[in-house]
């Protein structure tokens, strides 16, 4: 391994926040010509759905306009390369998408996504679909080249550096799985987190009240607000979801 790549990977794995990790990763990918990235991960996938979009971890340095259309307005549901990522693991050149377009092999909704992408100069790149850790989880990242580059340019970069790029993205994905995720409107307060941690440790309400120096009614309030924040029905579900999001047992620097 090149010393420079080794040093970068050490820095990446030692990063203690998603924000800093993502900044480093975007800067690194831009060195290879991929200046716009969008990463998505869910732990709540079912047979018929990717789950509640509010539960997705989405990281991107695309423009706000692109994010709104692709993510918030739901175009991702019909994106051909998202479909590929759901059905495969590994990496894929967007050349296969160009071949589908040339053959007229896209349905109306998928074709609309392609046109949306073209309007934002998203026309060349690669998609990496990460190995799933469970049947309900899926993660993938889309690497878009600079606007002036072609798919031929992307393929040439991949031929020379593809293995290193896959390695760096795999490690970035694994790093996301270890860091606290604060989704919009789903961030627990310190008290809510502490109460859930004690529930996860098997403590009774009476135990938790004594440990935290609060009344049982106050503990129940913290747990109720934690359930509402995480959009779940039971405290057991709140403990599980907070654990999934790495919002429990956080070590503060």
C-alpha atoms as a PDB file:
ATOM      1  CA  UNK A   1       0.000   0.000   0.000  1.00  0.00           C
ATOM      2  CA  UNK A   2       1.230   3.488  -0.839  1.00  0.00           C
ATOM      3  CA  UNK A   3       2.325   5.395   2.294  1.00  0.00           C
ATOM      4  CA  UNK A   4       0.157   8.366   1.319  1.00  0.00           C
ATOM      5  CA  UNK A   5      -2.940   6.146   1.006  1.00  0.00           C
ATOM      6  CA  UNK A   6      -2.090   4.387   4.258  1.00  0.00           C
ATOM      7  CA  UNK A   7      -1.836   7.720   6.078  1.00  0.00           C
ATOM      8  CA  UNK A   8      -5.201   8.812   4.700  1.00  0.00           C
ATOM      9  CA  UNK A   9      -6.882   5.596   5.824  1.00  0.00           C
ATOM     10  CA  UNK A  10      -5.430   5.975   9.310  1.00  0.00           C
ATOM     11  CA  UNK A  11      -6.823   9.516   9.501  1.00  0.00           C
ATOM     12  CA  UNK A  12     -10.201   8.306   8.223  1.00  0.00           C
ATOM     13  CA  UNK A  13     -10.510   5.511  10.743  1.00  0.00           C
ATOM     14  CA  UNK A  14      -9.499   7.822  13.602  1.00  0.00           C
ATOM     15  CA  UNK A  15     -12.110  10.469  12.764  1.00  0.00           C
ATOM     16  CA  UNK A  16     -14.666  10.875  15.561  1.00  0.00           C
ATOM     17  CA  UNK A  17     -17.538  12.585  13.714  1.00  0.00           C
ATOM     18  CA  UNK A  18     -19.493  11.874  10.541  1.00  0.00           C
ATOM     19  CA  UNK A  19     -19.163  15.503   9.472  1.00  0.00           C
ATOM     20  CA  UNK A  20     -15.374  15.445   9.577  1.00  0.00           C
ATOM     21  CA  UNK A  21     -15.177  11.989   8.006  1.00  0.00           C
ATOM     22  CA  UNK A  22     -17.441  13.081   5.135  1.00  0.00           C
ATOM     23  CA  UNK A  23     -15.437  16.259   4.523  1.00  0.00           C
ATOM     24  CA  UNK A  24     -12.217  14.254   4.326  1.00  0.00           C
ATOM     25  CA  UNK A  25     -13.776  11.655   2.048  1.00  0.00           C
ATOM     26  CA  UNK A  26     -15.237  14.187  -0.390  1.00  0.00           C
ATOM     27  CA  UNK A  27     -11.889  15.946  -0.649  1.00  0.00           C
ATOM     28  CA  UNK A  28     -10.158  12.631  -1.288  1.00  0.00           C
ATOM     29  CA  UNK A  29     -12.583  11.498  -3.996  1.00  0.00           C
ATOM     30  CA  UNK A  30     -12.296  14.868  -5.724  1.00  0.00           C
ATOM     31  CA  UNK A  31      -8.602  14.148  -6.223  1.00  0.00           C
ATOM     32  CA  UNK A  32      -9.653  11.283  -8.486  1.00  0.00           C
ATOM     33  CA  UNK A  33     -12.113  13.440 -10.448  1.00  0.00           C
ATOM     34  CA  UNK A  34     -15.267  12.489  -8.529  1.00  0.00           C
ATOM     35  CA  UNK A  35     -16.340  15.857  -7.172  1.00  0.00           C
ATOM     36  CA  UNK A  36     -19.957  15.050  -6.201  1.00  0.00           C
ATOM     37  CA  UNK A  37     -20.952  12.167  -3.961  1.00  0.00           C
ATOM     38  CA  UNK A  38     -24.171  10.910  -2.472  1.00  0.00           C
ATOM     39  CA  UNK A  39     -24.157   8.197   0.180  1.00  0.00           C
ATOM     40  CA  UNK A  40     -27.251   6.485   1.510  1.00  0.00           C
ATOM     41  CA  UNK A  41     -27.797   3.884   4.210  1.00  0.00           C
ATOM     42  CA  UNK A  42     -30.840   2.341   5.859  1.00  0.00           C
ATOM     43  CA  UNK A  43     -31.258  -0.265   8.582  1.00  0.00           C
ATOM     44  CA  UNK A  44     -35.022  -0.435   8.206  1.00  0.00           C
ATOM     45  CA  UNK A  45     -35.531  -1.936   4.759  1.00  0.00           C
ATOM     46  CA  UNK A  46     -38.382  -4.367   4.111  1.00  0.00           C
ATOM     47  CA  UNK A  47     -39.242  -6.574   1.147  1.00  0.00           C
ATOM     48  CA  UNK A  48     -41.346  -3.836  -0.411  1.00  0.00           C
ATOM     49  CA  UNK A  49     -39.719  -0.642   0.812  1.00  0.00           C
ATOM     50  CA  UNK A  50     -36.455   1.028   1.740  1.00  0.00           C
ATOM     51  CA  UNK A  51     -38.210   2.139   4.912  1.00  0.00           C
ATOM     52  CA  UNK A  52     -39.097   5.561   6.232  1.00  0.00           C
ATOM     53  CA  UNK A  53     -36.976   8.209   4.445  1.00  0.00           C
ATOM     54  CA  UNK A  54     -36.694  10.003   7.797  1.00  0.00           C
ATOM     55  CA  UNK A  55     -34.615   7.031   8.993  1.00  0.00           C
ATOM     56  CA  UNK A  56     -32.138   7.169   6.089  1.00  0.00           C
ATOM     57  CA  UNK A  57     -28.574   8.294   6.616  1.00  0.00           C
ATOM     58  CA  UNK A  58     -27.891  10.512   3.598  1.00  0.00           C
ATOM     59  CA  UNK A  59     -24.582  12.292   3.071  1.00  0.00           C
ATOM     60  CA  UNK A  60     -23.966  14.389  -0.020  1.00  0.00           C
ATOM     61  CA  UNK A  61     -22.049  17.342  -1.363  1.00  0.00           C
ATOM     62  CA  UNK A  62     -24.397  17.779  -4.328  1.00  0.00           C
ATOM     63  CA  UNK A  63     -26.194  21.100  -4.619  1.00  0.00           C
ATOM     64  CA  UNK A  64     -29.277  21.733  -2.439  1.00  0.00           C
ATOM     65  CA  UNK A  65     -31.381  21.715  -5.620  1.00  0.00           C
ATOM     66  CA  UNK A  66     -30.143  18.265  -6.565  1.00  0.00           C
ATOM     67  CA  UNK A  67     -30.644  16.910  -3.060  1.00  0.00           C
ATOM     68  CA  UNK A  68     -34.195  18.255  -2.956  1.00  0.00           C
ATOM     69  CA  UNK A  69     -35.175  16.625  -6.229  1.00  0.00           C
ATOM     70  CA  UNK A  70     -33.335  13.349  -5.850  1.00  0.00           C
ATOM     71  CA  UNK A  71     -33.759  12.706  -2.112  1.00  0.00           C
ATOM     72  CA  UNK A  72     -36.499  14.854  -0.627  1.00  0.00           C
ATOM     73  CA  UNK A  73     -38.850  14.632  -3.635  1.00  0.00           C
ATOM     74  CA  UNK A  74     -38.227  10.887  -3.901  1.00  0.00           C
ATOM     75  CA  UNK A  75     -36.667  10.502  -7.342  1.00  0.00           C
ATOM     76  CA  UNK A  76     -34.195   8.021  -5.824  1.00  0.00           C
ATOM     77  CA  UNK A  77     -37.006   5.457  -5.769  1.00  0.00           C
ATOM     78  CA  UNK A  78     -36.893   5.183  -9.551  1.00  0.00           C
ATOM     79  CA  UNK A  79     -33.181   5.765 -10.174  1.00  0.00           C
ATOM     80  CA  UNK A  80     -31.718   2.906 -12.253  1.00  0.00           C
ATOM     81  CA  UNK A  81     -28.425   2.824 -10.340  1.00  0.00           C
ATOM     82  CA  UNK A  82     -30.260   2.745  -7.002  1.00  0.00           C
ATOM     83  CA  UNK A  83     -32.174  -0.253  -8.296  1.00  0.00           C
ATOM     84  CA  UNK A  84     -28.873  -1.828  -9.313  1.00  0.00           C
ATOM     85  CA  UNK A  85     -27.419  -1.198  -5.841  1.00  0.00           C
ATOM     86  CA  UNK A  86     -30.406  -2.857  -4.163  1.00  0.00           C
ATOM     87  CA  UNK A  87     -29.964  -5.991  -6.255  1.00  0.00           C
ATOM     88  CA  UNK A  88     -26.175  -6.214  -6.263  1.00  0.00           C
ATOM     89  CA  UNK A  89     -23.022  -5.761  -4.217  1.00  0.00           C
ATOM     90  CA  UNK A  90     -19.753  -4.419  -5.570  1.00  0.00           C
ATOM     91  CA  UNK A  91     -19.202  -1.619  -8.051  1.00  0.00           C
ATOM     92  CA  UNK A  92     -20.711  -0.671 -11.401  1.00  0.00           C
ATOM     93  CA  UNK A  93     -19.771   1.762 -14.172  1.00  0.00           C
ATOM     94  CA  UNK A  94     -22.539   4.067 -15.321  1.00  0.00           C
ATOM     95  CA  UNK A  95     -21.747   2.845 -18.817  1.00  0.00           C
ATOM     96  CA  UNK A  96     -24.387   0.159 -18.262  1.00  0.00           C
ATOM     97  CA  UNK A  97     -26.934   2.947 -17.750  1.00  0.00           C
ATOM     98  CA  UNK A  98     -25.931   4.571 -21.016  1.00  0.00           C
ATOM     99  CA  UNK A  99     -26.430   1.220 -22.750  1.00  0.00           C
ATOM    100  CA  UNK A 100     -29.901   0.908 -21.217  1.00  0.00           C
ATOM    101  CA  UNK A 101     -30.809   4.394 -22.428  1.00  0.00           C
ATOM    102  CA  UNK A 102     -29.523   3.622 -25.929  1.00  0.00           C
ATOM    103  CA  UNK A 103     -31.653   0.462 -26.078  1.00  0.00           C
ATOM    104  CA  UNK A 104     -34.744   2.231 -24.759  1.00  0.00           C
ATOM    105  CA  UNK A 105     -34.741  -0.123 -21.788  1.00  0.00           C
ATOM    106  CA  UNK A 106     -35.889   2.374 -19.142  1.00  0.00           C
ATOM    107  CA  UNK A 107     -39.449   2.901 -18.008  1.00  0.00           C
ATOM    108  CA  UNK A 108     -40.967   6.384 -17.910  1.00  0.00           C
ATOM    109  CA  UNK A 109     -40.077   7.096 -14.269  1.00  0.00           C
ATOM    110  CA  UNK A 110     -36.485   5.900 -14.629  1.00  0.00           C
ATOM    111  CA  UNK A 111     -36.105   7.968 -17.809  1.00  0.00           C
ATOM    112  CA  UNK A 112     -37.334  11.026 -15.883  1.00  0.00           C
ATOM    113  CA  UNK A 113     -34.597  10.464 -13.287  1.00  0.00           C
ATOM    114  CA  UNK A 114     -31.977  10.281 -16.040  1.00  0.00           C
ATOM    115  CA  UNK A 115     -33.208  13.581 -17.478  1.00  0.00           C
ATOM    116  CA  UNK A 116     -33.129  15.161 -14.025  1.00  0.00           C
ATOM    117  CA  UNK A 117     -29.552  13.955 -13.576  1.00  0.00           C
ATOM    118  CA  UNK A 118     -28.506  15.310 -16.963  1.00  0.00           C
ATOM    119  CA  UNK A 119     -29.991  18.710 -16.078  1.00  0.00           C
ATOM    120  CA  UNK A 120     -27.576  18.782 -13.116  1.00  0.00           C
ATOM    121  CA  UNK A 121     -24.568  17.540 -15.122  1.00  0.00           C
ATOM    122  CA  UNK A 122     -24.761  14.124 -13.450  1.00  0.00           C
ATOM    123  CA  UNK A 123     -23.878  11.980 -16.438  1.00  0.00           C
ATOM    124  CA  UNK A 124     -20.687  10.012 -15.687  1.00  0.00           C
ATOM    125  CA  UNK A 125     -19.510   8.070 -12.675  1.00  0.00           C
ATOM    126  CA  UNK A 126     -19.606   4.866 -10.663  1.00  0.00           C
ATOM    127  CA  UNK A 127     -21.866   3.344  -8.019  1.00  0.00           C
ATOM    128  CA  UNK A 128     -20.611   1.178  -5.165  1.00  0.00           C
ATOM    129  CA  UNK A 129     -23.065  -1.082  -3.343  1.00  0.00           C
ATOM    130  CA  UNK A 130     -21.716  -2.166   0.028  1.00  0.00           C
ATOM    131  CA  UNK A 131     -22.007  -5.635   1.496  1.00  0.00           C
ATOM    132  CA  UNK A 132     -25.127  -5.758   3.654  1.00  0.00           C
ATOM    133  CA  UNK A 133     -24.797  -6.540   7.345  1.00  0.00           C
ATOM    134  CA  UNK A 134     -28.391  -7.781   7.584  1.00  0.00           C
ATOM    135  CA  UNK A 135     -31.431  -8.365   5.381  1.00  0.00           C
ATOM    136  CA  UNK A 136     -32.861  -5.048   6.556  1.00  0.00           C
ATOM    137  CA  UNK A 137     -29.828  -2.899   5.863  1.00  0.00           C
ATOM    138  CA  UNK A 138     -28.408  -1.474   2.656  1.00  0.00           C
ATOM    139  CA  UNK A 139     -25.751   1.104   1.897  1.00  0.00           C
ATOM    140  CA  UNK A 140     -24.437   2.522  -1.368  1.00  0.00           C
ATOM    141  CA  UNK A 141     -22.556   5.514  -2.693  1.00  0.00           C
ATOM    142  CA  UNK A 142     -22.722   7.288  -6.025  1.00  0.00           C
ATOM    143  CA  UNK A 143     -19.544   8.934  -7.327  1.00  0.00           C
ATOM    144  CA  UNK A 144     -20.162  11.607  -9.963  1.00  0.00           C
ATOM    145  CA  UNK A 145     -17.336  13.012 -12.096  1.00  0.00           C
ATOM    146  CA  UNK A 146     -16.683  16.664 -12.722  1.00  0.00           C
ATOM    147  CA  UNK A 147     -19.154  18.047 -15.303  1.00  0.00           C
ATOM    148  CA  UNK A 148     -16.600  18.302 -18.108  1.00  0.00           C
ATOM    149  CA  UNK A 149     -15.599  14.643 -17.798  1.00  0.00           C
ATOM    150  CA  UNK A 150     -17.068  11.726 -19.748  1.00  0.00           C
ATOM    151  CA  UNK A 151     -17.739   8.125 -18.857  1.00  0.00           C
ATOM    152  CA  UNK A 152     -14.623   7.212 -20.807  1.00  0.00           C
ATOM    153  CA  UNK A 153     -12.672   9.456 -18.416  1.00  0.00           C
ATOM    154  CA  UNK A 154     -14.338   7.816 -15.410  1.00  0.00           C
ATOM    155  CA  UNK A 155     -13.570   4.332 -16.703  1.00  0.00           C
ATOM    156  CA  UNK A 156      -9.929   5.256 -17.298  1.00  0.00           C
ATOM    157  CA  UNK A 157      -9.614   6.527 -13.712  1.00  0.00           C
ATOM    158  CA  UNK A 158     -11.249   3.358 -12.427  1.00  0.00           C
ATOM    159  CA  UNK A 159      -8.932   1.144 -14.432  1.00  0.00           C
ATOM    160  CA  UNK A 160      -5.929   2.753 -12.739  1.00  0.00           C
ATOM    161  CA  UNK A 161      -7.279   3.500  -9.251  1.00  0.00           C
ATOM    162  CA  UNK A 162     -10.500   1.513  -8.904  1.00  0.00           C
ATOM    163  CA  UNK A 163      -9.296  -0.889  -6.219  1.00  0.00           C
ATOM    164  CA  UNK A 164      -8.012   1.957  -4.045  1.00  0.00           C
ATOM    165  CA  UNK A 165     -11.250   3.897  -4.523  1.00  0.00           C
ATOM    166  CA  UNK A 166     -13.345   0.875  -3.528  1.00  0.00           C
ATOM    167  CA  UNK A 167     -11.159   0.313  -0.457  1.00  0.00           C
ATOM    168  CA  UNK A 168     -11.522   3.933   0.676  1.00  0.00           C
ATOM    169  CA  UNK A 169     -15.285   3.910   0.175  1.00  0.00           C
ATOM    170  CA  UNK A 170     -15.688   0.586   1.963  1.00  0.00           C
ATOM    171  CA  UNK A 171     -13.824   1.960   4.968  1.00  0.00           C
ATOM    172  CA  UNK A 172     -15.817   5.198   4.892  1.00  0.00           C
ATOM    173  CA  UNK A 173     -19.029   3.146   4.950  1.00  0.00           C
ATOM    174  CA  UNK A 174     -17.815   1.005   7.834  1.00  0.00           C
ATOM    175  CA  UNK A 175     -16.814   4.174   9.681  1.00  0.00           C
ATOM    176  CA  UNK A 176     -20.339   5.568   9.309  1.00  0.00           C
ATOM    177  CA  UNK A 177     -21.669   2.437  11.004  1.00  0.00           C
ATOM    178  CA  UNK A 178     -19.597   3.190  14.119  1.00  0.00           C
ATOM    179  CA  UNK A 179     -20.331   6.911  14.524  1.00  0.00           C
ATOM    180  CA  UNK A 180     -23.313   8.601  16.193  1.00  0.00           C
ATOM    181  CA  UNK A 181     -25.975   9.534  13.645  1.00  0.00           C
ATOM    182  CA  UNK A 182     -28.200  12.495  14.410  1.00  0.00           C
ATOM    183  CA  UNK A 183     -31.045  12.409  11.924  1.00  0.00           C
ATOM    184  CA  UNK A 184     -33.323  15.393  11.440  1.00  0.00           C
ATOM    185  CA  UNK A 185     -35.690  15.658  14.410  1.00  0.00           C
ATOM    186  CA  UNK A 186     -34.311  12.398  15.866  1.00  0.00           C
ATOM    187  CA  UNK A 187     -31.555  13.602  18.163  1.00  0.00           C
ATOM    188  CA  UNK A 188     -31.934  12.566  21.781  1.00  0.00           C
ATOM    189  CA  UNK A 189     -31.197  14.853  24.695  1.00  0.00           C
ATOM    190  CA  UNK A 190     -28.577  13.778  27.214  1.00  0.00           C
ATOM    191  CA  UNK A 191     -31.284  12.824  29.740  1.00  0.00           C
ATOM    192  CA  UNK A 192     -33.298  10.833  27.189  1.00  0.00           C
ATOM    193  CA  UNK A 193     -30.166   9.015  26.111  1.00  0.00           C
ATOM    194  CA  UNK A 194     -29.146   8.236  29.684  1.00  0.00           C
ATOM    195  CA  UNK A 195     -32.595   6.896  30.579  1.00  0.00           C
ATOM    196  CA  UNK A 196     -32.560   4.628  27.501  1.00  0.00           C
ATOM    197  CA  UNK A 197     -29.074   3.425  28.356  1.00  0.00           C
ATOM    198  CA  UNK A 198     -30.212   2.324  31.806  1.00  0.00           C
ATOM    199  CA  UNK A 199     -33.253   0.590  30.296  1.00  0.00           C
ATOM    200  CA  UNK A 200     -30.865  -1.166  27.904  1.00  0.00           C
ATOM    201  CA  UNK A 201     -28.838  -2.271  30.915  1.00  0.00           C
ATOM    202  CA  UNK A 202     -31.938  -3.935  32.382  1.00  0.00           C
ATOM    203  CA  UNK A 203     -32.623  -1.442  35.168  1.00  0.00           C
ATOM    204  CA  UNK A 204     -36.158  -0.968  36.524  1.00  0.00           C
ATOM    205  CA  UNK A 205     -37.895   2.404  36.594  1.00  0.00           C
ATOM    206  CA  UNK A 206     -37.249   2.586  40.329  1.00  0.00           C
ATOM    207  CA  UNK A 207     -33.550   1.805  39.772  1.00  0.00           C
ATOM    208  CA  UNK A 208     -33.233   4.435  37.031  1.00  0.00           C
ATOM    209  CA  UNK A 209     -34.947   7.101  39.118  1.00  0.00           C
ATOM    210  CA  UNK A 210     -32.556   6.445  41.986  1.00  0.00           C
ATOM    211  CA  UNK A 211     -29.465   6.365  39.764  1.00  0.00           C
ATOM    212  CA  UNK A 212     -30.389   9.580  37.951  1.00  0.00           C
ATOM    213  CA  UNK A 213     -31.684  11.321  41.076  1.00  0.00           C
ATOM    214  CA  UNK A 214     -35.085  11.971  39.526  1.00  0.00           C
ATOM    215  CA  UNK A 215     -38.671  10.889  40.163  1.00  0.00           C
ATOM    216  CA  UNK A 216     -40.129   7.919  38.304  1.00  0.00           C
ATOM    217  CA  UNK A 217     -42.609  10.293  36.673  1.00  0.00           C
ATOM    218  CA  UNK A 218     -39.721  12.344  35.267  1.00  0.00           C
ATOM    219  CA  UNK A 219     -37.998   9.204  34.001  1.00  0.00           C
ATOM    220  CA  UNK A 220     -41.203   8.125  32.291  1.00  0.00           C
ATOM    221  CA  UNK A 221     -41.425  11.582  30.700  1.00  0.00           C
ATOM    222  CA  UNK A 222     -37.874  11.302  29.334  1.00  0.00           C
ATOM    223  CA  UNK A 223     -38.638   7.866  27.901  1.00  0.00           C
ATOM    224  CA  UNK A 224     -41.899   9.078  26.356  1.00  0.00           C
ATOM    225  CA  UNK A 225     -40.113  11.983  24.695  1.00  0.00           C
ATOM    226  CA  UNK A 226     -37.389   9.608  23.499  1.00  0.00           C
ATOM    227  CA  UNK A 227     -40.061   7.416  21.874  1.00  0.00           C
ATOM    228  CA  UNK A 228     -41.601  10.452  20.207  1.00  0.00           C
ATOM    229  CA  UNK A 229     -38.218  11.726  19.028  1.00  0.00           C
ATOM    230  CA  UNK A 230     -37.333   8.348  17.497  1.00  0.00           C
ATOM    231  CA  UNK A 231     -40.845   7.840  16.117  1.00  0.00           C
ATOM    232  CA  UNK A 232     -41.399   4.442  17.743  1.00  0.00           C
ATOM    233  CA  UNK A 233     -44.176   2.999  19.875  1.00  0.00           C
ATOM    234  CA  UNK A 234     -42.370   1.178  22.677  1.00  0.00           C
ATOM    235  CA  UNK A 235     -39.352   1.826  24.857  1.00  0.00           C
ATOM    236  CA  UNK A 236     -37.805  -1.430  23.665  1.00  0.00           C
ATOM    237  CA  UNK A 237     -38.045  -0.148  20.079  1.00  0.00           C
ATOM    238  CA  UNK A 238     -36.500   3.144  21.194  1.00  0.00           C
ATOM    239  CA  UNK A 239     -33.547   1.318  22.752  1.00  0.00           C
ATOM    240  CA  UNK A 240     -33.025  -0.712  19.567  1.00  0.00           C
ATOM    241  CA  UNK A 241     -33.288   2.294  17.255  1.00  0.00           C
ATOM    242  CA  UNK A 242     -31.022   4.470  19.401  1.00  0.00           C
ATOM    243  CA  UNK A 243     -28.483   1.636  19.335  1.00  0.00           C
ATOM    244  CA  UNK A 244     -28.784   1.377  15.541  1.00  0.00           C
ATOM    245  CA  UNK A 245     -28.101   5.107  15.285  1.00  0.00           C
ATOM    246  CA  UNK A 246     -25.144   4.851  17.677  1.00  0.00           C
ATOM    247  CA  UNK A 247     -26.802   7.400  19.963  1.00  0.00           C
ATOM    248  CA  UNK A 248     -26.287   5.313  23.103  1.00  0.00           C
ATOM    249  CA  UNK A 249     -23.176   4.793  25.248  1.00  0.00           C
ATOM    250  CA  UNK A 250     -21.446   7.668  23.480  1.00  0.00           C
ATOM    251  CA  UNK A 251     -17.888   8.396  24.541  1.00  0.00           C
ATOM    252  CA  UNK A 252     -17.370  12.149  24.684  1.00  0.00           C
ATOM    253  CA  UNK A 253     -13.927  13.545  24.044  1.00  0.00           C
END
